Amino acid sequence: MSDMITFDKVDKRFGQTVVLDQFDFRVARGEKVAIIGPSGSGKSTLLRIIMALQDIDQGKVSLDGRPLWDAAGGKHRIKPTRKHLRDMRSLVGMVFQNFNLFPNLTALGNVAAAPRHVLGLSQAEAEARAAALLAQVGLSDKLQNYPATLSGGQQQRVAIARAMALEPEIMLFDEATSALDPERVGEVLEVMRALAHERDLTIVVVTHQIGVARAIADRICFMEGGRILEDGTPQQILNEPRNERTRAFLRAVHLS
């Protein structure tokens, strides 16, 4: 099985702070990976790099076998063109912690906007796609609702439908359930689980919530200090971690 995401000895610094340190990471096509670890370990920066929202200082990143930040893919880095970055970003959908919906658009309008303006679909085509996606996330009765009238769980489900509207091959979730009331986590988790198990998507989930990692992933990575310290199946990482730092993190999470 080919790799959909590849990081090869990637460095990323903000000033004197090392965020990714000779970072190696691979995700196979169709694989579902959860990344856990303390705040500041580089997890969200990793997702922003995959989305081409954040450049790197050194190393190589590839999506679906194509270089992300080095347009030529050769020995010397060449700044990628806007078209190259746009093409690469089209492979990826991302769901953020705080929904980031357009408050002046209905649920239907939020989901239809990208197909309309990015893909050039007609309004009727874009709205038909949006309505179908909102039905898939259980919101067929909320098409004309504005975000302010929706619960947090409903808003996040709209955000997931919106990310799916461009038909990405990779889906990224950055603490997608952390801002929700506990009773709303389940409804969003159910949608994420359906995406993970019913579609041939490559999924990377960054989360502090162990239940989310257990439900979604077929592989879990524990990250700290800009590196992956442990990588294995959910059973191995969550029940039999080998690294003492992983064990300490999981104890702290369970006690919190």
Protein backbone atom coordinates (compact mmCIF):
# COMPACT_ATOMS: atom_id res chain seq x y z
CA MET A 1 0.00 0.00 0.00
CA SER A 2 1.42 3.39 -1.00
CA ASP A 3 1.97 6.27 1.41
CA MET A 4 -0.49 9.15 1.22
CA ILE A 5 1.44 11.36 3.70
CA THR A 6 5.23 11.32 4.11
CA PHE A 7 7.43 13.48 6.36
CA ASP A 8 11.16 12.89 5.88
CA LYS A 9 13.49 14.47 8.47
CA VAL A 10 11.37 17.61 8.76
CA ASP A 11 12.49 20.48 10.99
CA LYS A 12 10.22 23.34 12.02
CA ARG A 13 11.15 26.13 14.41
CA PHE A 14 9.41 29.24 15.66
CA GLY A 15 12.28 31.46 16.73
CA GLN A 16 14.38 29.40 19.12
CA THR A 17 11.56 26.94 19.78
CA VAL A 18 11.92 23.59 18.01
CA VAL A 19 8.45 22.35 17.06
CA LEU A 20 9.37 19.44 14.77
CA ASP A 21 12.80 17.86 15.17
CA GLN A 22 14.05 15.63 12.32
CA PHE A 23 10.46 14.45 12.16
CA ASP A 24 9.70 11.22 10.28
CA PHE A 25 6.07 10.23 9.74
CA ARG A 26 4.20 8.09 7.24
CA VAL A 27 0.51 7.42 6.73
CA ALA A 28 -0.56 4.81 4.19
CA ARG A 29 -3.42 5.41 1.79
CA GLY A 30 -6.69 4.75 3.63
CA GLU A 31 -5.03 4.50 7.05
CA LYS A 32 -6.63 6.11 10.12
CA VAL A 33 -4.05 7.56 12.53
CA ALA A 34 -4.59 9.34 15.85
CA ILE A 35 -1.86 11.53 17.30
CA ILE A 36 -1.86 12.08 21.05
CA GLY A 37 0.55 13.94 23.29
CA PRO A 38 0.91 16.98 25.55
CA SER A 39 0.20 20.54 24.42
CA GLY A 40 3.16 22.06 22.59
CA SER A 41 4.40 18.73 21.24
CA GLY A 42 3.93 19.81 17.61
CA LYS A 43 0.67 18.02 16.82
CA SER A 44 -1.30 20.97 15.42
CA THR A 45 1.73 22.28 13.53
CA LEU A 46 1.95 18.89 11.85
CA LEU A 47 -1.62 19.27 10.56
CA ARG A 48 -1.03 22.84 9.41
CA ILE A 49 1.97 21.68 7.39
CA ILE A 50 -0.11 18.95 5.72
CA MET A 51 -2.66 21.63 4.83
CA ALA A 52 0.15 23.78 3.36
CA LEU A 53 -0.75 26.51 5.83
CA GLN A 54 2.70 26.35 7.44
CA ASP A 55 6.05 26.07 5.68
CA ILE A 56 8.93 23.91 6.93
CA ASP A 57 12.57 24.80 7.59
CA GLN A 58 14.17 21.59 6.41
CA GLY A 59 13.29 18.14 5.12
CA LYS A 60 10.60 16.96 2.71
CA VAL A 61 6.84 16.51 2.88
CA SER A 62 4.92 14.59 0.22
CA LEU A 63 1.21 14.01 -0.31
CA ASP A 64 0.17 11.15 -2.57
CA GLY A 65 3.77 10.88 -3.78
CA ARG A 66 4.04 14.55 -4.80
CA PRO A 67 6.33 17.02 -2.97
CA LEU A 68 4.34 19.58 -0.98
CA TRP A 69 6.76 22.44 -0.31
CA ASP A 70 9.50 21.66 -2.85
CA ALA A 71 7.84 22.07 -6.23
CA ALA A 72 10.70 20.44 -8.10
CA GLY A 73 11.24 17.60 -5.65
CA GLY A 74 14.97 17.84 -6.28
CA LYS A 75 18.06 18.46 -4.22
CA HIS A 76 17.50 22.20 -3.89
CA ARG A 77 14.22 23.58 -2.62
CA ILE A 78 12.23 25.64 -5.08
CA LYS A 79 9.32 27.68 -3.80
CA PRO A 80 6.11 26.08 -5.07
CA THR A 81 3.74 28.04 -7.26
CA ARG A 82 0.31 29.08 -6.07
CA LYS A 83 -1.23 26.59 -8.47
CA HIS A 84 0.91 23.79 -7.01
CA LEU A 85 -0.16 24.64 -3.45
CA ARG A 86 -3.79 24.96 -4.53
CA ASP A 87 -3.63 21.54 -6.18
CA MET A 88 -2.06 20.01 -3.08
CA ARG A 89 -4.56 21.64 -0.74
CA SER A 90 -7.39 20.18 -2.81
CA LEU A 91 -6.32 16.74 -1.54
CA VAL A 92 -6.98 17.72 2.06
CA GLY A 93 -10.01 18.63 4.18
CA MET A 94 -9.62 19.91 7.74
CA VAL A 95 -12.00 20.21 10.67
CA PHE A 96 -10.94 22.63 13.40
CA GLN A 97 -11.70 22.72 17.12
CA ASN A 98 -13.87 25.83 16.96
CA PHE A 99 -15.99 25.08 13.85
CA ASN A 100 -15.00 28.26 11.91
CA LEU A 101 -18.38 28.46 10.16
CA PHE A 102 -19.48 31.59 8.32
CA PRO A 103 -22.04 33.15 10.72
CA ASN A 104 -23.90 34.93 7.92
CA LEU A 105 -24.54 31.74 5.94
CA THR A 106 -27.01 28.95 6.64
CA ALA A 107 -25.80 25.38 7.14
CA LEU A 108 -26.57 24.77 3.47
CA GLY A 109 -24.71 27.92 2.44
CA ASN A 110 -21.66 27.03 4.52
CA VAL A 111 -21.33 23.62 2.87
CA ALA A 112 -22.19 24.82 -0.65
CA ALA A 113 -19.73 27.75 -0.65
CA ALA A 114 -16.55 25.79 -1.48
CA PRO A 115 -18.02 23.67 -4.32
CA ARG A 116 -19.52 26.85 -5.75
CA HIS A 117 -16.43 29.06 -5.58
CA VAL A 118 -13.55 26.56 -5.70
CA LEU A 119 -14.92 23.88 -8.01
CA GLY A 120 -17.08 26.19 -10.08
CA LEU A 121 -20.30 24.21 -9.63
CA SER A 122 -23.56 25.97 -10.33
CA GLN A 123 -25.56 27.10 -7.33
CA ALA A 124 -28.04 24.28 -7.86
CA GLU A 125 -25.28 21.66 -8.13
CA ALA A 126 -23.43 23.00 -5.08
CA GLU A 127 -26.58 23.11 -2.97
CA ALA A 128 -27.55 19.59 -4.04
CA ARG A 129 -24.12 18.31 -2.96
CA ALA A 130 -24.38 20.26 0.32
CA ALA A 131 -27.85 18.93 1.08
CA ALA A 132 -26.69 15.34 0.51
CA LEU A 133 -23.69 15.79 2.80
CA LEU A 134 -25.76 17.43 5.53
CA ALA A 135 -28.16 14.50 5.34
CA GLN A 136 -25.22 12.13 5.79
CA VAL A 137 -24.26 13.90 9.04
CA GLY A 138 -27.86 13.85 10.29
CA LEU A 139 -28.77 17.48 9.64
CA SER A 140 -31.27 17.29 6.78
CA ASP A 141 -33.74 19.24 8.95
CA LYS A 142 -31.25 22.08 9.61
CA LEU A 143 -30.40 23.20 6.07
CA GLN A 144 -31.72 26.75 6.56
CA ASN A 145 -30.44 27.22 10.10
CA TYR A 146 -27.70 29.75 10.81
CA PRO A 147 -24.76 28.65 13.01
CA ALA A 148 -25.95 30.72 16.00
CA THR A 149 -29.13 28.60 16.16
CA LEU A 150 -27.25 25.28 16.17
CA SER A 151 -25.71 23.42 19.09
CA GLY A 152 -21.95 22.93 19.21
CA GLY A 153 -22.31 19.35 18.03
CA GLN A 154 -24.51 20.40 15.13
CA GLN A 155 -22.07 23.15 14.14
CA GLN A 156 -19.21 20.68 14.12
CA ARG A 157 -21.21 18.29 11.96
CA VAL A 158 -21.78 21.15 9.49
CA ALA A 159 -18.01 21.76 9.56
CA ILE A 160 -17.36 18.09 8.75
CA ALA A 161 -19.84 18.22 5.85
CA ARG A 162 -18.15 21.39 4.62
CA ALA A 163 -14.71 19.74 4.70
CA MET A 164 -16.11 16.79 2.73
CA ALA A 165 -17.71 19.01 0.09
CA LEU A 166 -14.52 19.25 -1.97
CA GLU A 167 -14.17 15.46 -1.94
CA PRO A 168 -10.72 15.34 -0.31
CA GLU A 169 -8.61 12.21 -0.14
CA ILE A 170 -7.16 13.17 3.27
CA MET A 171 -9.20 14.36 6.26
CA LEU A 172 -7.56 16.09 9.23
CA PHE A 173 -9.27 16.62 12.59
CA ASP A 174 -7.63 19.06 15.02
CA GLU A 175 -9.18 18.50 18.46
CA ALA A 176 -12.55 18.34 16.69
CA THR A 177 -14.48 17.33 19.83
CA SER A 178 -12.57 19.27 22.50
CA ALA A 179 -14.79 22.38 22.41
CA LEU A 180 -18.01 20.38 22.80
CA ASP A 181 -20.08 19.70 25.87
CA PRO A 182 -19.61 16.06 26.92
CA GLU A 183 -23.11 15.09 25.79
CA ARG A 184 -22.38 16.46 22.28
CA VAL A 185 -19.13 14.55 21.78
CA GLY A 186 -20.95 11.32 20.97
CA GLU A 187 -22.91 12.72 18.03
CA VAL A 188 -19.78 14.13 16.38
CA LEU A 189 -17.76 11.01 17.17
CA GLU A 190 -20.42 8.91 15.44
CA VAL A 191 -20.02 10.96 12.26
CA MET A 192 -16.21 10.71 12.47
CA ARG A 193 -16.45 6.95 13.02
CA ALA A 194 -18.71 6.59 9.97
CA LEU A 195 -16.23 8.56 7.84
CA ALA A 196 -13.37 6.40 9.11
CA HIS A 197 -15.04 3.06 8.46
CA GLU A 198 -17.32 3.69 5.49
CA ARG A 199 -15.09 5.77 3.20
CA ASP A 200 -11.67 5.10 1.74
CA LEU A 201 -10.22 8.24 3.29
CA THR A 202 -6.82 8.75 4.83
CA ILE A 203 -7.53 10.28 8.25
CA VAL A 204 -5.27 11.95 10.82
CA VAL A 205 -6.84 12.92 14.13
CA VAL A 206 -5.10 15.08 16.73
CA THR A 207 -6.85 14.66 20.06
CA HIS A 208 -6.47 14.72 23.84
CA GLN A 209 -9.56 12.53 24.16
CA ILE A 210 -8.50 8.92 24.37
CA GLY A 211 -12.00 7.67 23.55
CA VAL A 212 -11.84 9.48 20.22
CA ALA A 213 -8.47 7.94 19.39
CA ARG A 214 -9.71 4.48 20.35
CA ALA A 215 -12.89 4.78 18.26
CA ILE A 216 -11.35 6.19 15.09
CA ALA A 217 -7.78 4.98 14.70
CA ASP A 218 -6.18 1.78 13.55
CA ARG A 219 -2.85 3.27 14.64
CA ILE A 220 -1.93 5.72 17.43
CA CYS A 221 1.23 7.82 17.69
CA PHE A 222 2.39 9.44 20.92
CA MET A 223 4.22 12.68 20.21
CA GLU A 224 6.37 14.90 22.39
CA GLY A 225 9.16 17.39 21.74
CA GLY A 226 8.59 17.40 18.02
CA ARG A 227 9.10 13.67 17.63
CA ILE A 228 7.03 10.48 17.74
CA LEU A 229 8.13 8.56 20.82
CA GLU A 230 5.82 5.58 20.38
CA ASP A 231 3.73 4.22 17.51
CA GLY A 232 1.45 1.19 17.53
CA THR A 233 -2.06 -0.21 17.50
CA PRO A 234 -4.68 1.29 19.85
CA GLN A 235 -4.51 -1.91 21.92
CA GLN A 236 -0.74 -1.66 22.35
CA ILE A 237 -0.46 2.10 22.92
CA LEU A 238 -3.45 2.52 25.22
CA ASN A 239 -3.23 -0.74 27.17
CA GLU A 240 0.43 -1.76 27.02
CA PRO A 241 2.56 1.34 26.29
CA ARG A 242 6.28 0.61 26.26
CA ASN A 243 7.57 4.16 26.66
CA GLU A 244 7.52 5.58 30.19
CA ARG A 245 6.60 9.03 28.87
CA THR A 246 3.58 7.53 27.09
CA ARG A 247 2.53 5.79 30.30
CA ALA A 248 2.83 9.02 32.30
CA PHE A 249 0.78 10.95 29.74
CA LEU A 250 -2.00 8.36 29.71
CA ARG A 251 -2.12 8.33 33.52
CA ALA A 252 -2.46 12.10 33.55
CA VAL A 253 -5.20 12.06 30.91
CA HIS A 254 -7.19 9.41 32.77
CA LEU A 255 -6.92 11.39 36.01
CA SER A 256 -7.98 14.69 34.46
